[in-house]
PDB file of N, CA and C in Angstrom:
ATOM      1  N   UNK A   1      10.896   0.078  -9.288  1.00  0.00           N
ATOM      2  CA  UNK A   1      11.476   1.369  -8.899  1.00  0.00           C
ATOM      3  C   UNK A   1      11.389   1.642  -7.399  1.00  0.00           C
ATOM      4  N   UNK A   2      10.621   0.837  -6.670  1.00  0.00           N
ATOM      5  CA  UNK A   2      10.459   1.067  -5.235  1.00  0.00           C
ATOM      6  C   UNK A   2      11.354   0.128  -4.449  1.00  0.00           C
ATOM      7  N   UNK A   3      11.693   0.495  -3.206  1.00  0.00           N
ATOM      8  CA  UNK A   3      12.531  -0.380  -2.382  1.00  0.00           C
ATOM      9  C   UNK A   3      11.901  -1.767  -2.239  1.00  0.00           C
ATOM     10  N   UNK A   4      12.752  -2.775  -2.322  1.00  0.00           N
ATOM     11  CA  UNK A   4      12.298  -4.154  -2.162  1.00  0.00           C
ATOM     12  C   UNK A   4      12.170  -4.496  -0.687  1.00  0.00           C
ATOM     13  N   UNK A   5      11.107  -5.246  -0.366  1.00  0.00           N
ATOM     14  CA  UNK A   5      10.955  -5.781   0.985  1.00  0.00           C
ATOM     15  C   UNK A   5      11.061  -7.292   0.903  1.00  0.00           C
ATOM     16  N   UNK A   6      11.561  -7.874   1.972  1.00  0.00           N
ATOM     17  CA  UNK A   6      11.701  -9.320   2.038  1.00  0.00           C
ATOM     18  C   UNK A   6      10.852  -9.843   3.180  1.00  0.00           C
ATOM     19  N   UNK A   7      10.493 -11.091   3.083  1.00  0.00           N
ATOM     20  CA  UNK A   7       9.689 -11.724   4.114  1.00  0.00           C
ATOM     21  C   UNK A   7      10.529 -12.730   4.885  1.00  0.00           C
ATOM     22  N   UNK A   8      10.177 -12.894   6.141  1.00  0.00           N
ATOM     23  CA  UNK A   8      10.751 -13.947   6.972  1.00  0.00           C
ATOM     24  C   UNK A   8       9.576 -14.654   7.639  1.00  0.00           C
ATOM     25  N   UNK A   9       9.555 -15.968   7.537  1.00  0.00           N
ATOM     26  CA  UNK A   9       8.469 -16.764   8.114  1.00  0.00           C
ATOM     27  C   UNK A   9       7.104 -16.318   7.604  1.00  0.00           C
ATOM     28  N   UNK A  10       7.040 -15.925   6.331  1.00  0.00           N
ATOM     29  CA  UNK A  10       5.774 -15.550   5.718  1.00  0.00           C
ATOM     30  C   UNK A  10       5.269 -14.162   6.074  1.00  0.00           C
ATOM     31  N   UNK A  11       6.134 -13.352   6.687  1.00  0.00           N
ATOM     32  CA  UNK A  11       5.730 -12.013   7.118  1.00  0.00           C
ATOM     33  C   UNK A  11       6.716 -10.956   6.652  1.00  0.00           C
ATOM     34  N   UNK A  12       6.186  -9.835   6.199  1.00  0.00           N
ATOM     35  CA  UNK A  12       6.996  -8.650   5.938  1.00  0.00           C
ATOM     36  C   UNK A  12       6.851  -7.770   7.172  1.00  0.00           C
ATOM     37  N   UNK A  13       7.967  -7.365   7.739  1.00  0.00           N
ATOM     38  CA  UNK A  13       7.960  -6.524   8.946  1.00  0.00           C
ATOM     39  C   UNK A  13       8.611  -5.182   8.623  1.00  0.00           C
ATOM     40  N   UNK A  14       7.895  -4.119   8.978  1.00  0.00           N
ATOM     41  CA  UNK A  14       8.406  -2.762   8.744  1.00  0.00           C
ATOM     42  C   UNK A  14       8.304  -1.969  10.043  1.00  0.00           C
ATOM     43  N   UNK A  15       9.341  -1.214  10.401  1.00  0.00           N
ATOM     44  CA  UNK A  15       9.278  -0.412  11.631  1.00  0.00           C
ATOM     45  C   UNK A  15       8.205   0.674  11.509  1.00  0.00           C
ATOM     46  N   UNK A  16       7.337   0.764  12.501  1.00  0.00           N
ATOM     47  CA  UNK A  16       6.283   1.778  12.482  1.00  0.00           C
ATOM     48  C   UNK A  16       6.841   3.188  12.385  1.00  0.00           C
ATOM     49  N   UNK A  17       8.001   3.421  12.971  1.00  0.00           N
ATOM     50  CA  UNK A  17       8.579   4.767  12.966  1.00  0.00           C
ATOM     51  C   UNK A  17       8.845   5.270  11.548  1.00  0.00           C
ATOM     52  N   UNK A  18       8.952   4.365  10.592  1.00  0.00           N
ATOM     53  CA  UNK A  18       9.159   4.740   9.187  1.00  0.00           C
ATOM     54  C   UNK A  18       8.051   5.672   8.711  1.00  0.00           C
ATOM     55  N   UNK A  19       6.857   5.537   9.261  1.00  0.00           N
ATOM     56  CA  UNK A  19       5.687   6.227   8.740  1.00  0.00           C
ATOM     57  C   UNK A  19       5.284   7.445   9.562  1.00  0.00           C
ATOM     58  N   UNK A  20       6.115   7.800  10.538  1.00  0.00           N
ATOM     59  CA  UNK A  20       5.822   8.965  11.373  1.00  0.00           C
ATOM     60  C   UNK A  20       5.830  10.273  10.591  1.00  0.00           C
ATOM     61  N   UNK A  21       6.407  10.265   9.390  1.00  0.00           N
ATOM     62  CA  UNK A  21       6.452  11.487   8.575  1.00  0.00           C
ATOM     63  C   UNK A  21       5.148  11.737   7.804  1.00  0.00           C
ATOM     64  N   UNK A  22       4.190  10.812   7.927  1.00  0.00           N
ATOM     65  CA  UNK A  22       2.878  10.920   7.256  1.00  0.00           C
ATOM     66  C   UNK A  22       2.987  10.928   5.729  1.00  0.00           C
ATOM     67  N   UNK A  23       4.109  10.463   5.224  1.00  0.00           N
ATOM     68  CA  UNK A  23       4.295  10.356   3.773  1.00  0.00           C
ATOM     69  C   UNK A  23       4.030   8.920   3.326  1.00  0.00           C
ATOM     70  N   UNK A  24       3.541   8.777   2.107  1.00  0.00           N
ATOM     71  CA  UNK A  24       3.334   7.450   1.540  1.00  0.00           C
ATOM     72  C   UNK A  24       4.689   6.854   1.167  1.00  0.00           C
ATOM     73  N   UNK A  25       4.963   5.690   1.680  1.00  0.00           N
ATOM     74  CA  UNK A  25       6.195   4.971   1.367  1.00  0.00           C
ATOM     75  C   UNK A  25       5.806   3.787   0.489  1.00  0.00           C
ATOM     76  N   UNK A  26       6.353   3.765  -0.719  1.00  0.00           N
ATOM     77  CA  UNK A  26       6.056   2.699  -1.685  1.00  0.00           C
ATOM     78  C   UNK A  26       7.104   1.600  -1.568  1.00  0.00           C
ATOM     79  N   UNK A  27       6.638   0.362  -1.723  1.00  0.00           N
ATOM     80  CA  UNK A  27       7.516  -0.804  -1.634  1.00  0.00           C
ATOM     81  C   UNK A  27       7.159  -1.796  -2.733  1.00  0.00           C
ATOM     82  N   UNK A  28       8.112  -2.699  -2.994  1.00  0.00           N
ATOM     83  CA  UNK A  28       7.888  -3.799  -3.932  1.00  0.00           C
ATOM     84  C   UNK A  28       8.237  -5.105  -3.240  1.00  0.00           C
ATOM     85  N   UNK A  29       7.346  -6.070  -3.363  1.00  0.00           N
ATOM     86  CA  UNK A  29       7.612  -7.432  -2.923  1.00  0.00           C
ATOM     87  C   UNK A  29       7.689  -8.275  -4.186  1.00  0.00           C
ATOM     88  N   UNK A  30       8.753  -9.056  -4.334  1.00  0.00           N
ATOM     89  CA  UNK A  30       8.922  -9.893  -5.517  1.00  0.00           C
ATOM     90  C   UNK A  30       8.413 -11.301  -5.236  1.00  0.00           C
ATOM     91  N   UNK A  31       7.563 -11.790  -6.145  1.00  0.00           N
ATOM     92  CA  UNK A  31       7.058 -13.158  -6.053  1.00  0.00           C
ATOM     93  C   UNK A  31       7.353 -13.864  -7.367  1.00  0.00           C
ATOM     94  N   UNK A  32       8.274 -14.817  -7.309  1.00  0.00           N
ATOM     95  CA  UNK A  32       8.655 -15.581  -8.495  1.00  0.00           C
ATOM     96  C   UNK A  32       8.993 -14.664  -9.670  1.00  0.00           C
ATOM     97  N   UNK A  33       9.758 -13.625  -9.375  1.00  0.00           N
ATOM     98  CA  UNK A  33      10.216 -12.699 -10.409  1.00  0.00           C
ATOM     99  C   UNK A  33       9.204 -11.642 -10.818  1.00  0.00           C
ATOM    100  N   UNK A  34       8.039 -11.650 -10.198  1.00  0.00           N
ATOM    101  CA  UNK A  34       6.999 -10.666 -10.522  1.00  0.00           C
ATOM    102  C   UNK A  34       6.826  -9.695  -9.362  1.00  0.00           C
ATOM    103  N   UNK A  35       6.767  -8.389  -9.652  1.00  0.00           N
ATOM    104  CA  UNK A  35       6.617  -7.408  -8.573  1.00  0.00           C
ATOM    105  C   UNK A  35       5.176  -7.264  -8.106  1.00  0.00           C
ATOM    106  N   UNK A  36       5.031  -7.017  -6.822  1.00  0.00           N
ATOM    107  CA  UNK A  36       3.759  -6.621  -6.224  1.00  0.00           C
ATOM    108  C   UNK A  36       4.058  -5.318  -5.487  1.00  0.00           C
ATOM    109  N   UNK A  37       3.432  -4.232  -5.939  1.00  0.00           N
ATOM    110  CA  UNK A  37       3.703  -2.917  -5.365  1.00  0.00           C
ATOM    111  C   UNK A  37       2.629  -2.544  -4.351  1.00  0.00           C
ATOM    112  N   UNK A  38       3.060  -1.891  -3.280  1.00  0.00           N
ATOM    113  CA  UNK A  38       2.121  -1.395  -2.280  1.00  0.00           C
ATOM    114  C   UNK A  38       2.698  -0.155  -1.625  1.00  0.00           C
ATOM    115  N   UNK A  39       1.827   0.567  -0.928  1.00  0.00           N
ATOM    116  CA  UNK A  39       2.304   1.714  -0.169  1.00  0.00           C
ATOM    117  C   UNK A  39       1.713   1.676   1.236  1.00  0.00           C
ATOM    118  N   UNK A  40       2.432   2.333   2.142  1.00  0.00           N
ATOM    119  CA  UNK A  40       2.024   2.432   3.539  1.00  0.00           C
ATOM    120  C   UNK A  40       2.175   3.888   3.941  1.00  0.00           C
ATOM    121  N   UNK A  41       1.202   4.387   4.706  1.00  0.00           N
ATOM    122  CA  UNK A  41       1.314   5.740   5.240  1.00  0.00           C
ATOM    123  C   UNK A  41       0.562   5.833   6.550  1.00  0.00           C
ATOM    124  N   UNK A  42       0.931   6.827   7.340  1.00  0.00           N
ATOM    125  CA  UNK A  42       0.174   7.126   8.546  1.00  0.00           C
ATOM    126  C   UNK A  42      -0.690   8.333   8.215  1.00  0.00           C
ATOM    127  N   UNK A  43      -2.004   8.152   8.295  1.00  0.00           N
ATOM    128  CA  UNK A  43      -2.917   9.260   8.005  1.00  0.00           C
ATOM    129  C   UNK A  43      -2.962  10.212   9.207  1.00  0.00           C
ATOM    130  N   UNK A  44      -3.574  11.363   9.009  1.00  0.00           N
ATOM    131  CA  UNK A  44      -3.596  12.376  10.063  1.00  0.00           C
ATOM    132  C   UNK A  44      -4.331  11.943  11.322  1.00  0.00           C
ATOM    133  N   UNK A  45      -5.122  10.885  11.248  1.00  0.00           N
ATOM    134  CA  UNK A  45      -5.796  10.378  12.446  1.00  0.00           C
ATOM    135  C   UNK A  45      -4.904   9.412  13.228  1.00  0.00           C
ATOM    136  N   UNK A  46      -3.643   9.229  12.769  1.00  0.00           N
ATOM    137  CA  UNK A  46      -2.675   8.407  13.483  1.00  0.00           C
ATOM    138  C   UNK A  46      -2.695   6.938  13.133  1.00  0.00           C
ATOM    139  N   UNK A  47      -3.551   6.527  12.188  1.00  0.00           N
ATOM    140  CA  UNK A  47      -3.645   5.121  11.799  1.00  0.00           C
ATOM    141  C   UNK A  47      -2.672   4.836  10.661  1.00  0.00           C
ATOM    142  N   UNK A  48      -1.919   3.747  10.788  1.00  0.00           N
ATOM    143  CA  UNK A  48      -1.026   3.324   9.711  1.00  0.00           C
ATOM    144  C   UNK A  48      -1.850   2.470   8.759  1.00  0.00           C
ATOM    145  N   UNK A  49      -1.860   2.869   7.491  1.00  0.00           N
ATOM    146  CA  UNK A  49      -2.716   2.248   6.478  1.00  0.00           C
ATOM    147  C   UNK A  49      -1.855   1.684   5.357  1.00  0.00           C
ATOM    148  N   UNK A  50      -2.381   0.663   4.680  1.00  0.00           N
ATOM    149  CA  UNK A  50      -1.631   0.036   3.587  1.00  0.00           C
ATOM    150  C   UNK A  50      -2.583  -0.297   2.451  1.00  0.00           C
ATOM    151  N   UNK A  51      -2.070  -0.165   1.231  1.00  0.00           N
ATOM    152  CA  UNK A  51      -2.872  -0.494   0.051  1.00  0.00           C
ATOM    153  C   UNK A  51      -1.932  -0.903  -1.077  1.00  0.00           C
ATOM    154  N   UNK A  52      -2.485  -1.685  -1.986  1.00  0.00           N
ATOM    155  CA  UNK A  52      -1.732  -1.978  -3.195  1.00  0.00           C
ATOM    156  C   UNK A  52      -1.603  -0.687  -3.997  1.00  0.00           C
ATOM    157  N   UNK A  53      -0.568  -0.573  -4.764  1.00  0.00           N
ATOM    158  CA  UNK A  53      -0.359   0.605  -5.603  1.00  0.00           C
ATOM    159  C   UNK A  53      -1.164   0.430  -6.890  1.00  0.00           C
ATOM    160  N   UNK A  54      -2.460   0.109  -6.705  1.00  0.00           N
ATOM    161  CA  UNK A  54      -3.351  -0.215  -7.814  1.00  0.00           C
ATOM    162  C   UNK A  54      -4.790  -0.184  -7.304  1.00  0.00           C
ATOM    163  N   UNK A  55      -5.716  -0.162  -8.258  1.00  0.00           N
ATOM    164  CA  UNK A  55      -7.135  -0.209  -7.909  1.00  0.00           C
ATOM    165  C   UNK A  55      -7.856  -1.122  -8.884  1.00  0.00           C
ATOM    166  N   UNK A  56      -9.125  -1.375  -8.613  1.00  0.00           N
ATOM    167  CA  UNK A  56      -9.919  -2.282  -9.452  1.00  0.00           C
ATOM    168  C   UNK A  56     -10.167  -1.737 -10.849  1.00  0.00           C
ATOM    169  N   UNK A  57     -10.121  -0.415 -11.018  1.00  0.00           N
ATOM    170  CA  UNK A  57     -10.452   0.203 -12.301  1.00  0.00           C
ATOM    171  C   UNK A  57      -9.210   0.469 -13.154  1.00  0.00           C
ATOM    172  N   UNK A  58      -8.236   1.161 -12.592  1.00  0.00           N
ATOM    173  CA  UNK A  58      -7.103   1.660 -13.382  1.00  0.00           C
ATOM    174  C   UNK A  58      -5.852   0.792 -13.313  1.00  0.00           C
ATOM    175  N   UNK A  59      -5.917  -0.379 -12.684  1.00  0.00           N
ATOM    176  CA  UNK A  59      -4.697  -1.169 -12.465  1.00  0.00           C
ATOM    177  C   UNK A  59      -3.973  -1.505 -13.764  1.00  0.00           C
ATOM    178  N   UNK A  60      -4.712  -1.637 -14.861  1.00  0.00           N
ATOM    179  CA  UNK A  60      -4.090  -1.995 -16.142  1.00  0.00           C
ATOM    180  C   UNK A  60      -3.095  -0.968 -16.643  1.00  0.00           C
ATOM    181  N   UNK A  61      -3.253   0.275 -16.218  1.00  0.00           N
ATOM    182  CA  UNK A  61      -2.328   1.336 -16.640  1.00  0.00           C
ATOM    183  C   UNK A  61      -0.987   1.229 -15.935  1.00  0.00           C
ATOM    184  N   UNK A  62      -0.985   0.526 -14.782  1.00  0.00           N
ATOM    185  CA  UNK A  62       0.223   0.332 -13.972  1.00  0.00           C
ATOM    186  C   UNK A  62       0.877   1.660 -13.573  1.00  0.00           C
ATOM    187  N   UNK A  63       0.036   2.674 -13.291  1.00  0.00           N
ATOM    188  CA  UNK A  63       0.553   3.989 -12.914  1.00  0.00           C
ATOM    189  C   UNK A  63       0.518   4.249 -11.419  1.00  0.00           C
ATOM    190  N   UNK A  64      -0.307   3.536 -10.675  1.00  0.00           N
ATOM    191  CA  UNK A  64      -0.325   3.664  -9.222  1.00  0.00           C
ATOM    192  C   UNK A  64      -0.805   5.006  -8.714  1.00  0.00           C
ATOM    193  N   UNK A  65      -0.313   5.361  -7.517  1.00  0.00           N
ATOM    194  CA  UNK A  65      -0.749   6.552  -6.802  1.00  0.00           C
ATOM    195  C   UNK A  65       0.423   7.411  -6.366  1.00  0.00           C
ATOM    196  N   UNK A  66       0.153   8.714  -6.260  1.00  0.00           N
ATOM    197  CA  UNK A  66       1.082   9.647  -5.630  1.00  0.00           C
ATOM    198  C   UNK A  66       0.333  10.363  -4.523  1.00  0.00           C
ATOM    199  N   UNK A  67       1.077  10.990  -3.640  1.00  0.00           N
ATOM    200  CA  UNK A  67       0.484  11.664  -2.491  1.00  0.00           C
ATOM    201  C   UNK A  67       0.517  13.172  -2.689  1.00  0.00           C
ATOM    202  N   UNK A  68      -0.553  13.827  -2.247  1.00  0.00           N
ATOM    203  CA  UNK A  68      -0.613  15.283  -2.181  1.00  0.00           C
ATOM    204  C   UNK A  68      -1.226  15.631  -0.837  1.00  0.00           C
ATOM    205  N   UNK A  69      -0.391  15.939   0.124  1.00  0.00           N
ATOM    206  CA  UNK A  69      -0.884  16.213   1.469  1.00  0.00           C
ATOM    207  C   UNK A  69      -1.536  14.988   2.071  1.00  0.00           C
ATOM    208  N   UNK A  70      -2.812  15.120   2.452  1.00  0.00           N
ATOM    209  CA  UNK A  70      -3.500  14.005   3.084  1.00  0.00           C
ATOM    210  C   UNK A  70      -4.426  13.279   2.115  1.00  0.00           C
ATOM    211  N   UNK A  71      -4.078  13.296   0.834  1.00  0.00           N
ATOM    212  CA  UNK A  71      -4.832  12.530  -0.164  1.00  0.00           C
ATOM    213  C   UNK A  71      -3.870  11.758  -1.047  1.00  0.00           C
ATOM    214  N   UNK A  72      -4.375  10.636  -1.550  1.00  0.00           N
ATOM    215  CA  UNK A  72      -3.642   9.869  -2.554  1.00  0.00           C
ATOM    216  C   UNK A  72      -4.352  10.098  -3.875  1.00  0.00           C
ATOM    217  N   UNK A  73      -3.573  10.278  -4.938  1.00  0.00           N
ATOM    218  CA  UNK A  73      -4.115  10.599  -6.255  1.00  0.00           C
ATOM    219  C   UNK A  73      -3.788   9.476  -7.223  1.00  0.00           C
ATOM    220  N   UNK A  74      -4.807   8.994  -7.932  1.00  0.00           N
ATOM    221  CA  UNK A  74      -4.591   7.990  -8.967  1.00  0.00           C
ATOM    222  C   UNK A  74      -3.835   8.650 -10.116  1.00  0.00           C
ATOM    223  N   UNK A  75      -2.697   8.092 -10.478  1.00  0.00           N
ATOM    224  CA  UNK A  75      -1.871   8.660 -11.548  1.00  0.00           C
ATOM    225  C   UNK A  75      -2.457   8.419 -12.933  1.00  0.00           C
ATOM    226  N   UNK A  76      -3.511   7.624 -13.025  1.00  0.00           N
ATOM    227  CA  UNK A  76      -4.147   7.370 -14.309  1.00  0.00           C
ATOM    228  C   UNK A  76      -5.344   8.289 -14.526  1.00  0.00           C
ATOM    229  N   UNK A  77      -6.288   8.305 -13.589  1.00  0.00           N
ATOM    230  CA  UNK A  77      -7.527   9.073 -13.796  1.00  0.00           C
ATOM    231  C   UNK A  77      -7.574  10.376 -13.019  1.00  0.00           C
ATOM    232  N   UNK A  78      -6.655  10.567 -12.067  1.00  0.00           N
ATOM    233  CA  UNK A  78      -6.608  11.817 -11.320  1.00  0.00           C
ATOM    234  C   UNK A  78      -7.552  11.906 -10.128  1.00  0.00           C
ATOM    235  N   UNK A  79      -8.323  10.862  -9.871  1.00  0.00           N
ATOM    236  CA  UNK A  79      -9.218  10.906  -8.707  1.00  0.00           C
ATOM    237  C   UNK A  79      -8.405  10.973  -7.429  1.00  0.00           C
ATOM    238  N   UNK A  80      -8.985  11.645  -6.442  1.00  0.00           N
ATOM    239  CA  UNK A  80      -8.313  11.896  -5.170  1.00  0.00           C
ATOM    240  C   UNK A  80      -9.023  11.134  -4.051  1.00  0.00           C
ATOM    241  N   UNK A  81      -8.226  10.537  -3.164  1.00  0.00           N
ATOM    242  CA  UNK A  81      -8.767   9.715  -2.100  1.00  0.00           C
ATOM    243  C   UNK A  81      -8.169  10.131  -0.763  1.00  0.00           C
ATOM    244  N   UNK A  82      -9.019  10.522   0.204  1.00  0.00           N
ATOM    245  CA  UNK A  82      -8.503  10.903   1.520  1.00  0.00           C
ATOM    246  C   UNK A  82      -7.725   9.739   2.149  1.00  0.00           C
ATOM    247  N   UNK A  83      -6.558  10.047   2.681  1.00  0.00           N
ATOM    248  CA  UNK A  83      -5.715   9.009   3.272  1.00  0.00           C
ATOM    249  C   UNK A  83      -6.422   8.284   4.407  1.00  0.00           C
ATOM    250  N   UNK A  84      -7.277   8.989   5.160  1.00  0.00           N
ATOM    251  CA  UNK A  84      -7.928   8.334   6.291  1.00  0.00           C
ATOM    252  C   UNK A  84      -9.055   7.387   5.870  1.00  0.00           C
ATOM    253  N   UNK A  85      -9.278   7.252   4.565  1.00  0.00           N
ATOM    254  CA  UNK A  85     -10.275   6.310   4.065  1.00  0.00           C
ATOM    255  C   UNK A  85      -9.649   5.049   3.468  1.00  0.00           C
ATOM    256  N   UNK A  86      -8.314   5.028   3.383  1.00  0.00           N
ATOM    257  CA  UNK A  86      -7.620   3.826   2.904  1.00  0.00           C
ATOM    258  C   UNK A  86      -7.833   2.718   3.927  1.00  0.00           C
ATOM    259  N   UNK A  87      -8.129   1.522   3.470  1.00  0.00           N
ATOM    260  CA  UNK A  87      -8.486   0.347   4.268  1.00  0.00           C
ATOM    261  C   UNK A  87      -9.911   0.433   4.800  1.00  0.00           C
ATOM    262  N   UNK A  88     -10.625   1.525   4.507  1.00  0.00           N
ATOM    263  CA  UNK A  88     -12.016   1.672   4.934  1.00  0.00           C
ATOM    264  C   UNK A  88     -12.924   1.552   3.713  1.00  0.00           C
ATOM    265  N   UNK A  89     -12.663   2.381   2.702  1.00  0.00           N
ATOM    266  CA  UNK A  89     -13.442   2.373   1.472  1.00  0.00           C
ATOM    267  C   UNK A  89     -12.668   1.567   0.435  1.00  0.00           C
ATOM    268  N   UNK A  90     -13.372   0.718  -0.299  1.00  0.00           N
ATOM    269  CA  UNK A  90     -12.682  -0.077  -1.319  1.00  0.00           C
ATOM    270  C   UNK A  90     -13.578  -0.223  -2.528  1.00  0.00           C
ATOM    271  N   UNK A  91     -12.998  -0.711  -3.596  1.00  0.00           N
ATOM    272  CA  UNK A  91     -13.730  -0.867  -4.845  1.00  0.00           C
ATOM    273  C   UNK A  91     -13.551   0.354  -5.727  1.00  0.00           C
ATOM    274  N   UNK A  92     -13.929   0.212  -6.977  1.00  0.00           N
ATOM    275  CA  UNK A  92     -13.780   1.312  -7.925  1.00  0.00           C
ATOM    276  C   UNK A  92     -12.330   1.714  -8.064  1.00  0.00           C
ATOM    277  N   UNK A  93     -12.083   3.008  -8.005  1.00  0.00           N
ATOM    278  CA  UNK A  93     -10.720   3.518  -8.171  1.00  0.00           C
ATOM    279  C   UNK A  93     -10.031   3.781  -6.831  1.00  0.00           C
ATOM    280  N   UNK A  94     -10.659   3.397  -5.717  1.00  0.00           N
ATOM    281  CA  UNK A  94     -10.002   3.534  -4.420  1.00  0.00           C
ATOM    282  C   UNK A  94      -8.781   2.628  -4.368  1.00  0.00           C
ATOM    283  N   UNK A  95      -7.718   3.062  -3.689  1.00  0.00           N
ATOM    284  CA  UNK A  95      -6.577   2.161  -3.521  1.00  0.00           C
ATOM    285  C   UNK A  95      -7.043   0.843  -2.926  1.00  0.00           C
ATOM    286  N   UNK A  96      -6.655  -0.251  -3.550  1.00  0.00           N
ATOM    287  CA  UNK A  96      -7.091  -1.573  -3.101  1.00  0.00           C
ATOM    288  C   UNK A  96      -6.454  -1.891  -1.748  1.00  0.00           C
ATOM    289  N   UNK A  97      -7.276  -2.102  -0.708  1.00  0.00           N
ATOM    290  CA  UNK A  97      -6.763  -2.289   0.650  1.00  0.00           C
ATOM    291  C   UNK A  97      -5.840  -3.497   0.780  1.00  0.00           C
ATOM    292  N   UNK A  98      -4.844  -3.341   1.620  1.00  0.00           N
ATOM    293  CA  UNK A  98      -3.916  -4.415   1.944  1.00  0.00           C
ATOM    294  C   UNK A  98      -4.010  -4.658   3.446  1.00  0.00           C
ATOM    295  N   UNK A  99      -4.313  -5.875   3.828  1.00  0.00           N
ATOM    296  CA  UNK A  99      -4.434  -6.225   5.243  1.00  0.00           C
ATOM    297  C   UNK A  99      -3.081  -6.034   5.912  1.00  0.00           C
ATOM    298  N   UNK A 100      -3.121  -5.416   7.092  1.00  0.00           N
ATOM    299  CA  UNK A 100      -1.898  -5.200   7.863  1.00  0.00           C
ATOM    300  C   UNK A 100      -2.253  -5.240   9.337  1.00  0.00           C
ATOM    301  N   UNK A 101      -1.235  -5.478  10.161  1.00  0.00           N
ATOM    302  CA  UNK A 101      -1.402  -5.517  11.612  1.00  0.00           C
ATOM    303  C   UNK A 101      -0.285  -4.723  12.250  1.00  0.00           C
ATOM    304  N   UNK A 102      -0.571  -4.167  13.398  1.00  0.00           N
ATOM    305  CA  UNK A 102       0.464  -3.516  14.188  1.00  0.00           C
ATOM    306  C   UNK A 102       0.742  -4.409  15.381  1.00  0.00           C
ATOM    307  N   UNK A 103       2.013  -4.716  15.546  1.00  0.00           N
ATOM    308  CA  UNK A 103       2.440  -5.539  16.674  1.00  0.00           C
ATOM    309  C   UNK A 103       3.608  -4.819  17.336  1.00  0.00           C
ATOM    310  N   UNK A 104       3.345  -4.210  18.476  1.00  0.00           N
ATOM    311  CA  UNK A 104       4.385  -3.432  19.150  1.00  0.00           C
ATOM    312  C   UNK A 104       4.780  -2.246  18.292  1.00  0.00           C
ATOM    313  N   UNK A 105       6.052  -2.169  17.940  1.00  0.00           N
ATOM    314  CA  UNK A 105       6.543  -1.060  17.114  1.00  0.00           C
ATOM    315  C   UNK A 105       6.789  -1.495  15.669  1.00  0.00           C
ATOM    316  N   UNK A 106       6.058  -2.536  15.233  1.00  0.00           N
ATOM    317  CA  UNK A 106       6.266  -3.108  13.902  1.00  0.00           C
ATOM    318  C   UNK A 106       4.942  -3.240  13.153  1.00  0.00           C
ATOM    319  N   UNK A 107       4.972  -2.899  11.864  1.00  0.00           N
ATOM    320  CA  UNK A 107       3.849  -3.155  10.975  1.00  0.00           C
ATOM    321  C   UNK A 107       4.104  -4.505  10.325  1.00  0.00           C
ATOM    322  N   UNK A 108       3.098  -5.355  10.332  1.00  0.00           N
ATOM    323  CA  UNK A 108       3.251  -6.700   9.782  1.00  0.00           C
ATOM    324  C   UNK A 108       2.257  -6.906   8.652  1.00  0.00           C
ATOM    325  N   UNK A 109       2.781  -7.382   7.522  1.00  0.00           N
ATOM    326  CA  UNK A 109       1.954  -7.738   6.373  1.00  0.00           C
ATOM    327  C   UNK A 109       2.270  -9.186   6.023  1.00  0.00           C
ATOM    328  N   UNK A 110       1.241 -10.011   5.944  1.00  0.00           N
ATOM    329  CA  UNK A 110       1.447 -11.407   5.611  1.00  0.00           C
ATOM    330  C   UNK A 110       1.664 -11.563   4.110  1.00  0.00           C
ATOM    331  N   UNK A 111       2.590 -12.421   3.747  1.00  0.00           N
ATOM    332  CA  UNK A 111       2.883 -12.671   2.336  1.00  0.00           C
ATOM    333  C   UNK A 111       1.625 -13.130   1.603  1.00  0.00           C
ATOM    334  N   UNK A 112       0.803 -13.956   2.241  1.00  0.00           N
ATOM    335  CA  UNK A 112      -0.408 -14.429   1.565  1.00  0.00           C
ATOM    336  C   UNK A 112      -1.332 -13.260   1.203  1.00  0.00           C
ATOM    337  N   UNK A 113      -1.342 -12.213   2.005  1.00  0.00           N
ATOM    338  CA  UNK A 113      -2.142 -11.032   1.684  1.00  0.00           C
ATOM    339  C   UNK A 113      -1.533 -10.267   0.520  1.00  0.00           C
ATOM    340  N   UNK A 114      -0.214 -10.204   0.457  1.00  0.00           N
ATOM    341  CA  UNK A 114       0.451  -9.588  -0.692  1.00  0.00           C
ATOM    342  C   UNK A 114       0.143 -10.373  -1.980  1.00  0.00           C
ATOM    343  N   UNK A 115       0.218 -11.684  -1.884  1.00  0.00           N
ATOM    344  CA  UNK A 115      -0.012 -12.519  -3.063  1.00  0.00           C
ATOM    345  C   UNK A 115      -1.444 -12.373  -3.587  1.00  0.00           C
ATOM    346  N   UNK A 116      -2.366 -12.029  -2.720  1.00  0.00           N
ATOM    347  CA  UNK A 116      -3.756 -11.831  -3.149  1.00  0.00           C
ATOM    348  C   UNK A 116      -3.876 -10.672  -4.139  1.00  0.00           C
ATOM    349  N   UNK A 117      -2.898  -9.768  -4.152  1.00  0.00           N
ATOM    350  CA  UNK A 117      -2.923  -8.636  -5.072  1.00  0.00           C
ATOM    351  C   UNK A 117      -2.086  -8.831  -6.325  1.00  0.00           C
ATOM    352  N   UNK A 118      -1.525 -10.012  -6.503  1.00  0.00           N
ATOM    353  CA  UNK A 118      -0.651 -10.278  -7.657  1.00  0.00           C
ATOM    354  C   UNK A 118      -1.327  -9.919  -8.983  1.00  0.00           C
ATOM    355  N   UNK A 119      -2.611 -10.137  -9.089  1.00  0.00           N
ATOM    356  CA  UNK A 119      -3.322  -9.895 -10.347  1.00  0.00           C
ATOM    357  C   UNK A 119      -3.315  -8.437 -10.798  1.00  0.00           C
ATOM    358  N   UNK A 120      -3.077  -7.531  -9.889  1.00  0.00           N
ATOM    359  CA  UNK A 120      -3.009  -6.116 -10.256  1.00  0.00           C
ATOM    360  C   UNK A 120      -1.742  -5.789 -11.035  1.00  0.00           C
ATOM    361  N   UNK A 121      -0.732  -6.660 -10.918  1.00  0.00           N
ATOM    362  CA  UNK A 121       0.578  -6.330 -11.471  1.00  0.00           C
ATOM    363  C   UNK A 121       1.014  -7.351 -12.504  1.00  0.00           C
TER     364      UNK A 121
END
């Protein structure tokens, strides 16, 4: 249900300006016909953060997260996670961190990092 992203040379590239609205943008990367879902947002501290649309606890429900202001909410258990803690706190029901880099005006996610989350989906 989320926009598909494609990789070139093993990298997914997204314009940083996409996240200036501080909203969570959900994406799907397809690997051999299987989806890997993730979201990216800019938290109020100005950091662009990325996580799989899943966690270690509730991933089996395949319900992911929605945003309410500056928190992400697990659609399965209802726990709330401050956006500025994504990529900082992990484990349990926290959104599972996705490694990302900023290069100039582009957010870069390596395909190998996306594939590491395949088991959630």
